[in-house]
């Protein structure tokens, strides 16, 4: 039985949540920015990993002020 806490997303679902393209998600996976498992030909991303990624990003405007 799969643990209910293991909420896996497709590349398309992750892209939709972040409002970016699936291509960008795949590139981020390749660069190691988003951890993902490859199951067959398809990547799966833990929802918790995606949330962790977003929570480490600086708020909009903060990064621009430090330049």
Protein backbone atom coordinates (compact mmCIF):
# COMPACT_ATOMS: atom_id res chain seq x y z
CA UNK A 1 0.00 0.00 0.00
CA UNK A 2 1.36 3.41 -0.93
CA UNK A 3 1.63 5.85 1.92
CA UNK A 4 -1.06 8.55 1.65
CA UNK A 5 1.54 11.22 2.49
CA UNK A 6 3.45 10.43 -0.71
CA UNK A 7 1.66 12.89 -2.97
CA UNK A 8 3.38 12.60 -6.35
CA UNK A 9 2.89 15.12 -9.14
CA UNK A 10 3.52 14.84 -12.86
CA UNK A 11 5.71 17.43 -14.56
CA UNK A 12 2.57 19.00 -15.98
CA UNK A 13 0.88 19.21 -12.56
CA UNK A 14 3.99 20.75 -10.99
CA UNK A 15 4.20 23.27 -13.82
CA UNK A 16 0.56 24.21 -13.38
CA UNK A 17 1.03 24.74 -9.63
CA UNK A 18 4.05 27.01 -10.17
CA UNK A 19 2.53 28.73 -13.23
CA UNK A 20 5.53 27.86 -15.40
CA UNK A 21 5.98 25.58 -18.40
CA UNK A 22 6.59 21.83 -18.20
CA UNK A 23 9.84 22.47 -20.12
CA UNK A 24 11.07 24.69 -17.26
CA UNK A 25 10.22 22.00 -14.71
CA UNK A 26 12.17 19.40 -16.71
CA UNK A 27 15.15 21.75 -16.98
CA UNK A 28 15.05 22.39 -13.22
CA UNK A 29 15.02 18.62 -12.64
CA UNK A 30 18.02 18.18 -14.94
CA UNK A 31 19.92 20.94 -13.08
CA UNK A 32 19.12 19.27 -9.75
CA UNK A 33 16.97 22.16 -8.52
CA UNK A 34 13.91 19.93 -8.13
CA UNK A 35 14.34 16.38 -6.85
CA UNK A 36 12.35 13.90 -8.92
CA UNK A 37 12.03 10.18 -9.49
CA UNK A 38 11.92 8.79 -13.00
CA UNK A 39 9.34 6.05 -13.20
CA UNK A 40 9.49 4.47 -16.63
CA UNK A 41 9.74 7.37 -19.05
CA UNK A 42 8.08 9.90 -16.75
CA UNK A 43 9.24 12.07 -13.85
CA UNK A 44 7.31 12.25 -10.60
CA UNK A 45 7.83 15.04 -8.09
CA UNK A 46 6.86 14.99 -4.42
CA UNK A 47 4.48 17.82 -3.62
CA UNK A 48 6.43 18.40 -0.39
CA UNK A 49 9.67 18.90 -2.38
CA UNK A 50 7.95 21.49 -4.56
CA UNK A 51 6.63 23.32 -1.50
CA UNK A 52 10.11 23.25 0.06
CA UNK A 53 11.59 24.74 -3.12
CA UNK A 54 9.10 27.60 -3.17
CA UNK A 55 9.56 28.33 0.54
CA UNK A 56 13.32 28.84 0.03
CA UNK A 57 12.85 31.40 -2.75
CA UNK A 58 13.18 35.06 -1.76
CA UNK A 59 9.99 37.11 -1.90
CA UNK A 60 9.53 39.17 -5.04
CA UNK A 61 11.22 42.53 -4.69
CA UNK A 62 13.75 41.44 -2.04
CA UNK A 63 16.26 40.08 -4.56
CA UNK A 64 15.97 43.20 -6.67
CA UNK A 65 16.72 45.43 -3.67
CA UNK A 66 20.00 43.65 -2.93
CA UNK A 67 21.45 44.31 -6.41
